[in-house]
N, C-alpha and C. Protein backbone atom coordinates (compact mmCIF):
# COMPACT_ATOMS: atom_id res chain seq x y z
N MET A 1 -0.54 5.39 -4.90
CA MET A 1 -1.26 6.56 -4.46
C MET A 1 -1.05 7.67 -5.47
N LYS A 2 -2.10 8.38 -5.76
CA LYS A 2 -2.05 9.53 -6.66
C LYS A 2 -2.73 10.70 -5.97
N GLN A 3 -2.32 11.90 -6.35
CA GLN A 3 -3.00 13.10 -5.87
C GLN A 3 -3.46 13.89 -7.08
N ALA A 4 -4.57 14.62 -6.93
CA ALA A 4 -5.12 15.40 -8.03
C ALA A 4 -5.72 16.68 -7.47
N THR A 5 -6.13 17.57 -8.37
CA THR A 5 -6.68 18.86 -7.94
C THR A 5 -8.19 18.83 -7.78
N ASP A 6 -8.87 17.78 -8.24
CA ASP A 6 -10.30 17.63 -7.99
C ASP A 6 -10.64 16.15 -7.90
N VAL A 7 -11.77 15.83 -7.28
CA VAL A 7 -12.09 14.44 -6.96
C VAL A 7 -12.33 13.58 -8.20
N THR A 8 -12.71 14.16 -9.31
CA THR A 8 -12.94 13.36 -10.52
C THR A 8 -11.71 13.32 -11.41
N ASN A 9 -10.67 14.05 -11.04
CA ASN A 9 -9.47 14.18 -11.86
C ASN A 9 -9.83 14.62 -13.27
N SER A 10 -10.82 15.52 -13.38
CA SER A 10 -11.28 15.98 -14.68
C SER A 10 -10.19 16.74 -15.45
N LEU A 11 -9.21 17.25 -14.74
CA LEU A 11 -8.12 17.96 -15.42
C LEU A 11 -7.00 17.03 -15.84
N SER A 12 -7.12 15.74 -15.49
CA SER A 12 -6.09 14.74 -15.79
C SER A 12 -4.71 15.21 -15.36
N ASP A 13 -4.65 15.79 -14.18
CA ASP A 13 -3.40 16.35 -13.68
C ASP A 13 -2.83 15.57 -12.50
N GLU A 14 -3.24 14.31 -12.36
CA GLU A 14 -2.77 13.53 -11.23
C GLU A 14 -1.26 13.40 -11.24
N LYS A 15 -0.71 13.24 -10.03
CA LYS A 15 0.71 12.95 -9.91
C LYS A 15 0.92 12.05 -8.71
N ALA A 16 2.05 11.40 -8.68
CA ALA A 16 2.34 10.42 -7.63
C ALA A 16 2.33 11.05 -6.24
N LEU A 17 1.91 10.27 -5.28
CA LEU A 17 1.97 10.64 -3.87
C LEU A 17 2.86 9.60 -3.21
N SER A 18 4.05 10.01 -2.84
CA SER A 18 5.05 9.06 -2.35
C SER A 18 4.68 8.48 -0.98
N TYR A 19 5.01 7.22 -0.83
CA TYR A 19 4.95 6.55 0.47
C TYR A 19 6.04 5.50 0.51
N ASP A 20 6.59 5.25 1.70
CA ASP A 20 7.71 4.32 1.78
C ASP A 20 7.46 3.14 2.71
N LYS A 21 6.26 3.09 3.30
CA LYS A 21 5.95 1.94 4.16
C LYS A 21 4.45 1.71 4.19
N ILE A 22 4.09 0.48 4.47
CA ILE A 22 2.71 0.10 4.72
C ILE A 22 2.71 -0.76 5.97
N TYR A 23 1.53 -0.98 6.49
CA TYR A 23 1.37 -1.85 7.66
C TYR A 23 0.50 -3.01 7.23
N ILE A 24 0.92 -4.23 7.60
CA ILE A 24 0.25 -5.44 7.13
C ILE A 24 -0.11 -6.34 8.31
N ASN A 25 -1.31 -6.92 8.22
CA ASN A 25 -1.72 -7.98 9.13
C ASN A 25 -2.03 -9.17 8.24
N VAL A 26 -1.15 -10.15 8.21
CA VAL A 26 -1.30 -11.32 7.35
C VAL A 26 -2.24 -12.33 8.00
N GLY A 27 -3.27 -12.71 7.28
CA GLY A 27 -4.20 -13.71 7.75
C GLY A 27 -5.14 -13.25 8.83
N LEU A 28 -5.05 -12.01 9.24
CA LEU A 28 -5.88 -11.46 10.30
C LEU A 28 -5.90 -12.36 11.54
N SER A 29 -4.76 -13.02 11.80
CA SER A 29 -4.68 -13.95 12.93
C SER A 29 -4.34 -13.26 14.24
N THR A 30 -3.89 -12.01 14.16
CA THR A 30 -3.57 -11.25 15.37
C THR A 30 -4.13 -9.84 15.20
N THR A 31 -3.93 -9.01 16.20
CA THR A 31 -4.33 -7.61 16.11
C THR A 31 -3.13 -6.72 15.81
N THR A 32 -2.01 -7.35 15.48
CA THR A 32 -0.77 -6.61 15.24
C THR A 32 -0.59 -6.28 13.76
N LEU A 33 -0.24 -5.03 13.49
CA LEU A 33 0.13 -4.62 12.14
C LEU A 33 1.65 -4.55 12.08
N THR A 34 2.23 -5.15 11.05
CA THR A 34 3.68 -5.17 10.89
C THR A 34 4.09 -4.12 9.86
N GLU A 35 5.00 -3.23 10.24
CA GLU A 35 5.48 -2.21 9.32
C GLU A 35 6.36 -2.87 8.26
N THR A 36 6.10 -2.53 6.99
CA THR A 36 6.82 -3.09 5.87
C THR A 36 7.28 -1.97 4.94
N THR A 37 8.54 -1.99 4.55
CA THR A 37 9.07 -0.99 3.64
C THR A 37 8.66 -1.31 2.21
N VAL A 38 8.30 -0.28 1.45
CA VAL A 38 7.95 -0.48 0.04
C VAL A 38 9.00 0.19 -0.84
N THR A 39 9.06 -0.24 -2.10
CA THR A 39 10.01 0.30 -3.06
C THR A 39 9.23 0.98 -4.19
N SER A 40 9.68 2.14 -4.60
CA SER A 40 9.08 2.87 -5.72
C SER A 40 7.59 3.14 -5.53
N ASP A 41 7.18 3.42 -4.30
CA ASP A 41 5.79 3.77 -4.01
C ASP A 41 4.79 2.71 -4.46
N THR A 42 5.16 1.44 -4.34
CA THR A 42 4.25 0.38 -4.78
C THR A 42 4.43 -0.85 -3.90
N TYR A 43 3.38 -1.66 -3.83
CA TYR A 43 3.43 -2.91 -3.08
C TYR A 43 2.54 -3.92 -3.80
N THR A 44 3.04 -5.13 -3.98
CA THR A 44 2.28 -6.18 -4.63
C THR A 44 1.59 -7.03 -3.58
N VAL A 45 0.28 -7.08 -3.66
CA VAL A 45 -0.52 -7.86 -2.72
C VAL A 45 -0.45 -9.32 -3.11
N GLY A 46 -0.21 -10.19 -2.14
CA GLY A 46 -0.13 -11.62 -2.41
C GLY A 46 -1.50 -12.24 -2.57
N SER A 47 -1.54 -13.54 -2.78
CA SER A 47 -2.81 -14.24 -2.99
C SER A 47 -3.33 -14.90 -1.72
N ASP A 48 -2.61 -14.74 -0.59
CA ASP A 48 -3.09 -15.30 0.67
C ASP A 48 -4.37 -14.59 1.10
N PRO A 49 -5.35 -15.33 1.61
CA PRO A 49 -6.62 -14.70 1.99
C PRO A 49 -6.52 -13.94 3.32
N ASN A 50 -7.45 -13.03 3.52
CA ASN A 50 -7.65 -12.35 4.80
C ASN A 50 -6.48 -11.51 5.27
N ASN A 51 -5.92 -10.72 4.40
CA ASN A 51 -4.85 -9.81 4.79
C ASN A 51 -5.38 -8.39 4.85
N LEU A 52 -4.85 -7.61 5.77
CA LEU A 52 -5.20 -6.20 5.91
C LEU A 52 -3.96 -5.38 5.63
N TYR A 53 -4.07 -4.39 4.75
CA TYR A 53 -2.96 -3.51 4.39
C TYR A 53 -3.37 -2.08 4.72
N VAL A 54 -2.51 -1.35 5.41
CA VAL A 54 -2.80 0.02 5.80
C VAL A 54 -1.70 0.94 5.28
N ILE A 55 -2.11 2.01 4.59
CA ILE A 55 -1.18 3.04 4.13
C ILE A 55 -1.64 4.34 4.75
N GLU A 56 -0.79 4.96 5.53
CA GLU A 56 -1.13 6.24 6.17
C GLU A 56 -0.58 7.39 5.34
N ILE A 57 -1.44 8.33 5.04
CA ILE A 57 -1.06 9.53 4.31
C ILE A 57 -1.48 10.74 5.13
N ASP A 58 -0.56 11.62 5.40
CA ASP A 58 -0.85 12.86 6.11
C ASP A 58 -1.17 13.94 5.08
N ALA A 59 -2.17 14.78 5.35
CA ALA A 59 -2.55 15.84 4.42
C ALA A 59 -1.38 16.76 4.10
N ALA A 60 -0.42 16.86 5.01
CA ALA A 60 0.76 17.72 4.79
C ALA A 60 1.63 17.19 3.65
N GLU A 61 1.43 15.93 3.25
CA GLU A 61 2.21 15.35 2.16
C GLU A 61 1.66 15.73 0.78
N LEU A 62 0.44 16.28 0.74
CA LEU A 62 -0.16 16.70 -0.53
C LEU A 62 0.43 18.03 -0.98
N ASP A 63 0.50 18.22 -2.28
CA ASP A 63 1.01 19.46 -2.86
C ASP A 63 -0.12 20.50 -2.92
N VAL A 64 -0.59 20.93 -1.75
CA VAL A 64 -1.72 21.86 -1.69
C VAL A 64 -1.37 23.24 -2.24
N ASN A 65 -0.10 23.61 -2.23
CA ASN A 65 0.31 24.90 -2.80
C ASN A 65 0.00 24.99 -4.29
N ASN A 66 -0.07 23.84 -4.95
CA ASN A 66 -0.40 23.80 -6.37
C ASN A 66 -1.80 23.24 -6.61
N GLY A 67 -2.62 23.21 -5.56
CA GLY A 67 -4.02 22.80 -5.69
C GLY A 67 -4.29 21.32 -5.56
N PHE A 68 -3.31 20.51 -5.24
CA PHE A 68 -3.50 19.06 -5.11
C PHE A 68 -4.01 18.75 -3.71
N ASP A 69 -5.32 18.52 -3.61
CA ASP A 69 -5.92 18.26 -2.30
C ASP A 69 -6.79 17.00 -2.31
N CYS A 70 -6.66 16.16 -3.34
CA CYS A 70 -7.44 14.94 -3.47
C CYS A 70 -6.51 13.74 -3.59
N VAL A 71 -6.98 12.58 -3.11
CA VAL A 71 -6.16 11.37 -3.10
C VAL A 71 -6.90 10.24 -3.81
N ARG A 72 -6.14 9.43 -4.57
CA ARG A 72 -6.68 8.25 -5.25
C ARG A 72 -5.71 7.10 -5.04
N PHE A 73 -6.25 5.89 -4.95
CA PHE A 73 -5.46 4.69 -4.72
C PHE A 73 -5.79 3.69 -5.81
N ASN A 74 -4.78 3.11 -6.46
CA ASN A 74 -4.99 2.11 -7.52
C ASN A 74 -4.89 0.70 -6.95
N LEU A 75 -5.84 -0.14 -7.33
CA LEU A 75 -5.82 -1.56 -6.98
C LEU A 75 -5.80 -2.36 -8.27
N ALA A 76 -4.89 -3.31 -8.35
CA ALA A 76 -4.87 -4.22 -9.50
C ALA A 76 -5.84 -5.36 -9.24
N SER A 77 -6.07 -6.20 -10.22
CA SER A 77 -6.95 -7.35 -10.05
C SER A 77 -6.41 -8.30 -9.00
N GLY A 78 -7.31 -8.89 -8.24
CA GLY A 78 -6.92 -9.88 -7.24
C GLY A 78 -6.49 -11.18 -7.89
N ALA A 79 -5.69 -11.96 -7.18
CA ALA A 79 -5.25 -13.26 -7.69
C ALA A 79 -6.28 -14.32 -7.30
N GLY A 80 -6.76 -15.06 -8.26
CA GLY A 80 -7.74 -16.10 -7.97
C GLY A 80 -9.02 -15.50 -7.42
N THR A 81 -9.38 -15.93 -6.22
CA THR A 81 -10.61 -15.43 -5.59
C THR A 81 -10.32 -14.33 -4.57
N THR A 82 -9.14 -13.76 -4.60
CA THR A 82 -8.80 -12.70 -3.66
C THR A 82 -9.64 -11.47 -3.95
N LEU A 83 -10.26 -10.93 -2.92
CA LEU A 83 -11.06 -9.71 -3.03
C LEU A 83 -10.23 -8.54 -2.53
N LEU A 84 -10.29 -7.43 -3.25
CA LEU A 84 -9.54 -6.24 -2.86
C LEU A 84 -10.48 -5.07 -2.71
N ALA A 85 -10.21 -4.22 -1.74
CA ALA A 85 -11.02 -3.02 -1.52
C ALA A 85 -10.14 -1.96 -0.88
N ALA A 86 -10.54 -0.71 -1.03
CA ALA A 86 -9.82 0.39 -0.40
C ALA A 86 -10.82 1.21 0.41
N THR A 87 -10.41 1.62 1.60
CA THR A 87 -11.23 2.45 2.47
C THR A 87 -10.41 3.65 2.88
N TYR A 88 -10.98 4.83 2.73
CA TYR A 88 -10.31 6.06 3.13
C TYR A 88 -10.92 6.52 4.44
N ILE A 89 -10.09 6.90 5.40
CA ILE A 89 -10.57 7.40 6.68
C ILE A 89 -10.03 8.80 6.89
N LEU A 90 -10.92 9.77 6.98
CA LEU A 90 -10.54 11.14 7.24
C LEU A 90 -10.55 11.34 8.75
N SER A 91 -9.43 11.74 9.29
CA SER A 91 -9.38 11.97 10.73
C SER A 91 -8.63 13.25 11.03
N GLY A 92 -8.87 13.79 12.19
CA GLY A 92 -8.15 14.98 12.63
C GLY A 92 -8.46 16.21 11.80
N ALA A 93 -9.71 16.34 11.35
CA ALA A 93 -10.08 17.51 10.56
C ALA A 93 -9.82 18.78 11.38
N ARG A 94 -9.28 19.78 10.74
CA ARG A 94 -8.92 21.02 11.44
C ARG A 94 -10.08 21.96 11.66
N TYR A 95 -11.17 21.75 10.97
CA TYR A 95 -12.31 22.66 11.07
C TYR A 95 -13.55 21.87 11.43
N SER A 96 -14.46 22.49 12.13
CA SER A 96 -15.69 21.80 12.53
C SER A 96 -16.88 22.38 11.77
N GLY A 97 -18.01 21.73 11.95
CA GLY A 97 -19.22 22.23 11.33
C GLY A 97 -19.31 21.88 9.86
N ASN A 98 -19.95 22.74 9.08
CA ASN A 98 -20.19 22.49 7.68
C ASN A 98 -19.01 22.83 6.79
N ASP A 99 -17.90 23.29 7.36
CA ASP A 99 -16.75 23.71 6.57
C ASP A 99 -15.93 22.53 6.06
N VAL A 100 -16.15 21.33 6.58
CA VAL A 100 -15.37 20.16 6.18
C VAL A 100 -16.23 19.25 5.31
N ASN A 101 -15.72 18.90 4.14
CA ASN A 101 -16.42 18.00 3.25
C ASN A 101 -15.40 17.11 2.56
N ALA A 102 -15.45 15.81 2.85
CA ALA A 102 -14.46 14.89 2.32
C ALA A 102 -14.85 14.29 0.97
N ILE A 103 -16.01 14.65 0.43
CA ILE A 103 -16.48 14.06 -0.82
C ILE A 103 -16.44 15.07 -1.96
N ILE A 104 -17.01 16.23 -1.76
CA ILE A 104 -17.15 17.22 -2.83
C ILE A 104 -15.95 18.15 -2.83
N ASP A 105 -15.41 18.43 -3.99
CA ASP A 105 -14.25 19.31 -4.12
C ASP A 105 -14.68 20.75 -4.15
């Protein structure tokens, strides 16, 4: 996870966004997510098919005092035919109406 001051990282000022756990559903055989501890803010995805990985980031973890209000996630190449994707879900927005925009900085 990285944080930056704008969505395109045009200032090349990204910095690490720490996380110490992820939630995993291996094989999508159940509806249960298992909490897993990570080391050095990284996790290596295995080659088993049909796994779901969830990383929760709270906006309070961003360095907004220094303008860091954007998040980026790095994915390495999949092993074999493993497909990888990332989905961001914005929830609990503090403001309603046109004041909230999750795409444009």
